[in-house]
């Protein structure tokens, strides 16, 4: 009996020891699990905090980049506008230069043609001072050359009675003949007062007409001297229309 009790007691003690050890192990495992869980939580908290910091950085960086992009876009637009303005100015300057070059070329050509005409006048013994200065215009720069209207057949006439139809030197317009200015034209095509630029002769005003002056591309140029008129002869001239007339002679061109 005693042996049985001893065995039972030993068994009970053994079971208690096993339970104690088991409980100790469970507590140890629980503590380890809790420790691991805390570590995991710490890591998660750290990662969450880090992600928030990264997100905040990205948001800040994104805003800065957006602002920089907008500033860059604004600067680019301003640059493009300035570039367009400069291009327009350059194009305008180029156009002005081309116009100046063209005008200079025209002046050179006009001068050559006028020199040739003056040589003919000199052969006829005519001096430039024999011609009166016309108050309407006197120099090339006061009027533009105008629109080119073609090659005209030109002759010359003098204020003499046999050529002018009267001994007073009065034109069809009622104004006196102005040598070097007055032109006889076909009034069906060019009204009185029309201003031309004739390359080699200069500016002329439609003030007269005549039976032999027929057609659009025909004129008679008034000069002083018959010999000079013959030297000018019957030839073609480049003619430009400066201003169409209204039937009257306007001395304030």
Foldseek 3Di string as FASTA:
>chain_A
DVVVVVVVVVVVVVVVVVVVVVVVVVVVVVVVVVVVVVVVVVVVVVVVVVVVVVVVVVVVVVVVVVVVVVVVVVVVVVVVVVVVVVVVVVVVVVVVVVVVVVVVVLVVQLVVLQVVLVVLCVVVVHDPVVFDAQLQDHDDVVFDQAAWDDKAWEFEDELPCVGQVHHQQAAPQRHHDGALAEKAADCVQAAFQWWKQWRSRGIYTHGHHDPVHDDDRYMYGYHHDPSSRVSVPTDIITMHTGGGDDNHHDSHD
